[in-house]
Amino acid sequence: RMYNREEKRANPWTQAEKDTFLRKYARYPNNFKRIADALANKSVNECITFYYLSKMELDYNKIVRQAKRSRKYSHYPGTGAAHRTGVFSVGGAGRGGLGSPSEGEKSDDVP
């Protein structure tokens, strides 16, 4: 446990790395080696740790389902439904990320 805490402090995740992780996870579920290969500053162990720490906040099964659906209907990367709705956003940055309403949803403070 101490190792994970020190590792987390030494190499924090940027928003861009989180977004890349989610895109790659949607494409290659549980293939943390392949995901880590796309992230220059992250190891396989760091990717696994991020997955388990964010698992309570994110519905990874939903992300994978939406990505598969968007690949099924789209031949162009980045144009599918999962990308348009902001499924790949973490921490409230971007549409549909945690902490912000996605398309079609209303916020409590909007009449």
C-alpha atoms as a PDB file:
ATOM      1  CA  ARG A   1       0.000   0.000   0.000  1.00  0.00           C
ATOM      2  CA  MET A   2       2.789   2.413   0.792  1.00  0.00           C
ATOM      3  CA  TYR A   3       4.302   1.698  -2.619  1.00  0.00           C
ATOM      4  CA  ASN A   4       1.077   2.699  -4.381  1.00  0.00           C
ATOM      5  CA  ARG A   5       0.835   5.947  -2.397  1.00  0.00           C
ATOM      6  CA  GLU A   6       4.397   6.922  -3.226  1.00  0.00           C
ATOM      7  CA  GLU A   7       3.944   5.967  -6.875  1.00  0.00           C
ATOM      8  CA  LYS A   8       0.769   8.021  -7.084  1.00  0.00           C
ATOM      9  CA  ARG A   9       2.501  11.112  -5.720  1.00  0.00           C
ATOM     10  CA  ALA A  10       5.546  10.653  -7.932  1.00  0.00           C
ATOM     11  CA  ASN A  11       3.636  10.410 -11.229  1.00  0.00           C
ATOM     12  CA  PRO A  12       0.118  11.909 -11.032  1.00  0.00           C
ATOM     13  CA  TRP A  13      -2.332  11.367 -13.893  1.00  0.00           C
ATOM     14  CA  THR A  14      -3.005  14.314 -16.195  1.00  0.00           C
ATOM     15  CA  GLN A  15      -6.428  14.813 -17.756  1.00  0.00           C
ATOM     16  CA  ALA A  16      -5.010  13.906 -21.173  1.00  0.00           C
ATOM     17  CA  GLU A  17      -3.602  10.634 -19.776  1.00  0.00           C
ATOM     18  CA  LYS A  18      -6.960   9.801 -18.189  1.00  0.00           C
ATOM     19  CA  ASP A  19      -8.756  10.433 -21.470  1.00  0.00           C
ATOM     20  CA  THR A  20      -6.237   8.306 -23.373  1.00  0.00           C
ATOM     21  CA  PHE A  21      -6.582   5.529 -20.798  1.00  0.00           C
ATOM     22  CA  LEU A  22     -10.368   5.483 -21.196  1.00  0.00           C
ATOM     23  CA  ARG A  23     -10.220   5.505 -25.002  1.00  0.00           C
ATOM     24  CA  LYS A  24      -7.727   2.654 -25.035  1.00  0.00           C
ATOM     25  CA  TYR A  25      -9.615   0.730 -22.343  1.00  0.00           C
ATOM     26  CA  ALA A  26     -12.802   0.994 -24.406  1.00  0.00           C
ATOM     27  CA  ARG A  27     -10.907  -0.418 -27.388  1.00  0.00           C
ATOM     28  CA  TYR A  28      -8.851  -3.042 -25.483  1.00  0.00           C
ATOM     29  CA  PRO A  29     -10.685  -3.920 -22.221  1.00  0.00           C
ATOM     30  CA  ASN A  30      -8.363  -5.250 -19.504  1.00  0.00           C
ATOM     31  CA  ASN A  31      -5.364  -5.285 -21.844  1.00  0.00           C
ATOM     32  CA  PHE A  32      -3.299  -3.059 -19.583  1.00  0.00           C
ATOM     33  CA  LYS A  33      -0.054  -3.754 -21.459  1.00  0.00           C
ATOM     34  CA  ARG A  34      -1.520  -2.344 -24.648  1.00  0.00           C
ATOM     35  CA  ILE A  35      -3.036   0.601 -22.770  1.00  0.00           C
ATOM     36  CA  ALA A  36       0.295   1.368 -21.065  1.00  0.00           C
ATOM     37  CA  ASP A  37       2.038   1.270 -24.457  1.00  0.00           C
ATOM     38  CA  ALA A  38      -0.140   4.226 -25.505  1.00  0.00           C
ATOM     39  CA  LEU A  39       0.819   6.175 -22.370  1.00  0.00           C
ATOM     40  CA  ALA A  40       4.473   7.163 -22.480  1.00  0.00           C
ATOM     41  CA  ASN A  41       4.750   8.030 -18.770  1.00  0.00           C
ATOM     42  CA  LYS A  42       2.699   5.185 -17.283  1.00  0.00           C
ATOM     43  CA  SER A  43       3.585   1.589 -16.483  1.00  0.00           C
ATOM     44  CA  VAL A  44       1.292  -1.416 -16.678  1.00  0.00           C
ATOM     45  CA  ASN A  45       1.092  -1.399 -12.870  1.00  0.00           C
ATOM     46  CA  GLU A  46       0.070   2.274 -12.834  1.00  0.00           C
ATOM     47  CA  CYS A  47      -2.676   1.557 -15.378  1.00  0.00           C
ATOM     48  CA  ILE A  48      -3.992  -1.337 -13.308  1.00  0.00           C
ATOM     49  CA  THR A  49      -3.934   0.808 -10.165  1.00  0.00           C
ATOM     50  CA  PHE A  50      -5.774   3.639 -11.939  1.00  0.00           C
ATOM     51  CA  TYR A  51      -8.394   1.164 -13.181  1.00  0.00           C
ATOM     52  CA  TYR A  52      -9.137  -0.216  -9.722  1.00  0.00           C
ATOM     53  CA  LEU A  53      -9.113   3.205  -8.039  1.00  0.00           C
ATOM     54  CA  SER A  54     -11.498   4.686 -10.626  1.00  0.00           C
ATOM     55  CA  LYS A  55     -13.719   1.618 -10.933  1.00  0.00           C
ATOM     56  CA  MET A  56     -16.140   2.914  -8.284  1.00  0.00           C
ATOM     57  CA  GLU A  57     -16.604   6.231 -10.132  1.00  0.00           C
ATOM     58  CA  LEU A  58     -16.745   4.984 -13.717  1.00  0.00           C
ATOM     59  CA  ASP A  59     -18.909   2.315 -15.314  1.00  0.00           C
ATOM     60  CA  TYR A  60     -16.280   0.608 -17.455  1.00  0.00           C
ATOM     61  CA  ASN A  61     -18.798  -1.896 -18.846  1.00  0.00           C
ATOM     62  CA  LYS A  62     -20.911   0.989 -20.146  1.00  0.00           C
ATOM     63  CA  ILE A  63     -17.858   2.660 -21.684  1.00  0.00           C
ATOM     64  CA  VAL A  64     -16.939  -0.558 -23.521  1.00  0.00           C
ATOM     65  CA  ARG A  65     -20.531  -1.112 -24.713  1.00  0.00           C
ATOM     66  CA  GLN A  66     -20.815   2.441 -26.047  1.00  0.00           C
ATOM     67  CA  ALA A  67     -17.453   2.224 -27.767  1.00  0.00           C
ATOM     68  CA  LYS A  68     -18.430  -1.047 -29.447  1.00  0.00           C
ATOM     69  CA  ARG A  69     -21.709   0.487 -30.569  1.00  0.00           C
ATOM     70  CA  SER A  70     -19.942   3.538 -31.995  1.00  0.00           C
ATOM     71  CA  ARG A  71     -17.393   1.334 -33.838  1.00  0.00           C
ATOM     72  CA  LYS A  72     -20.221  -0.720 -35.264  1.00  0.00           C
ATOM     73  CA  TYR A  73     -21.889   2.301 -36.852  1.00  0.00           C
ATOM     74  CA  SER A  74     -18.895   4.473 -37.616  1.00  0.00           C
ATOM     75  CA  HIS A  75     -15.926   3.866 -39.876  1.00  0.00           C
ATOM     76  CA  TYR A  76     -14.174   7.047 -38.745  1.00  0.00           C
ATOM     77  CA  PRO A  77     -12.425   7.270 -35.358  1.00  0.00           C
ATOM     78  CA  GLY A  78     -13.733   9.895 -32.992  1.00  0.00           C
ATOM     79  CA  THR A  79     -17.138  10.261 -34.661  1.00  0.00           C
ATOM     80  CA  GLY A  80     -19.081   7.602 -32.769  1.00  0.00           C
ATOM     81  CA  ALA A  81     -21.729   8.100 -30.111  1.00  0.00           C
ATOM     82  CA  ALA A  82     -19.352   7.442 -27.187  1.00  0.00           C
ATOM     83  CA  HIS A  83     -16.990  10.178 -28.349  1.00  0.00           C
ATOM     84  CA  ARG A  84     -19.767  12.729 -29.018  1.00  0.00           C
ATOM     85  CA  THR A  85     -21.345  12.272 -25.583  1.00  0.00           C
ATOM     86  CA  GLY A  86     -18.048  12.716 -23.758  1.00  0.00           C
ATOM     87  CA  VAL A  87     -17.886   9.224 -22.258  1.00  0.00           C
ATOM     88  CA  PHE A  88     -14.117   9.528 -22.372  1.00  0.00           C
ATOM     89  CA  SER A  89     -14.002  12.482 -19.957  1.00  0.00           C
ATOM     90  CA  VAL A  90     -12.967  12.017 -16.346  1.00  0.00           C
ATOM     91  CA  GLY A  91     -13.198  14.495 -13.515  1.00  0.00           C
ATOM     92  CA  GLY A  92     -15.724  16.895 -14.988  1.00  0.00           C
ATOM     93  CA  ALA A  93     -13.537  18.128 -17.839  1.00  0.00           C
ATOM     94  CA  GLY A  94     -15.491  17.879 -21.063  1.00  0.00           C
ATOM     95  CA  ARG A  95     -19.082  17.106 -21.826  1.00  0.00           C
ATOM     96  CA  GLY A  96     -20.553  14.155 -19.994  1.00  0.00           C
ATOM     97  CA  GLY A  97     -17.630  13.743 -17.617  1.00  0.00           C
ATOM     98  CA  LEU A  98     -18.090  13.062 -13.956  1.00  0.00           C
ATOM     99  CA  GLY A  99     -19.591  16.091 -12.286  1.00  0.00           C
ATOM    100  CA  SER A 100     -21.208  17.587 -15.379  1.00  0.00           C
ATOM    101  CA  PRO A 101     -24.526  16.691 -16.990  1.00  0.00           C
ATOM    102  CA  SER A 102     -24.315  14.923 -20.320  1.00  0.00           C
ATOM    103  CA  GLU A 103     -26.426  15.782 -23.343  1.00  0.00           C
ATOM    104  CA  GLY A 104     -30.120  15.459 -22.613  1.00  0.00           C
ATOM    105  CA  GLU A 105     -29.667  15.682 -18.842  1.00  0.00           C
ATOM    106  CA  LYS A 106     -30.580  18.719 -16.822  1.00  0.00           C
ATOM    107  CA  SER A 107     -28.552  20.100 -13.979  1.00  0.00           C
ATOM    108  CA  ASP A 108     -30.294  20.741 -10.640  1.00  0.00           C
ATOM    109  CA  ASP A 109     -29.459  24.439 -10.811  1.00  0.00           C
ATOM    110  CA  VAL A 110     -30.945  24.920 -14.309  1.00  0.00           C
ATOM    111  CA  PRO A 111     -34.712  25.668 -14.348  1.00  0.00           C
END
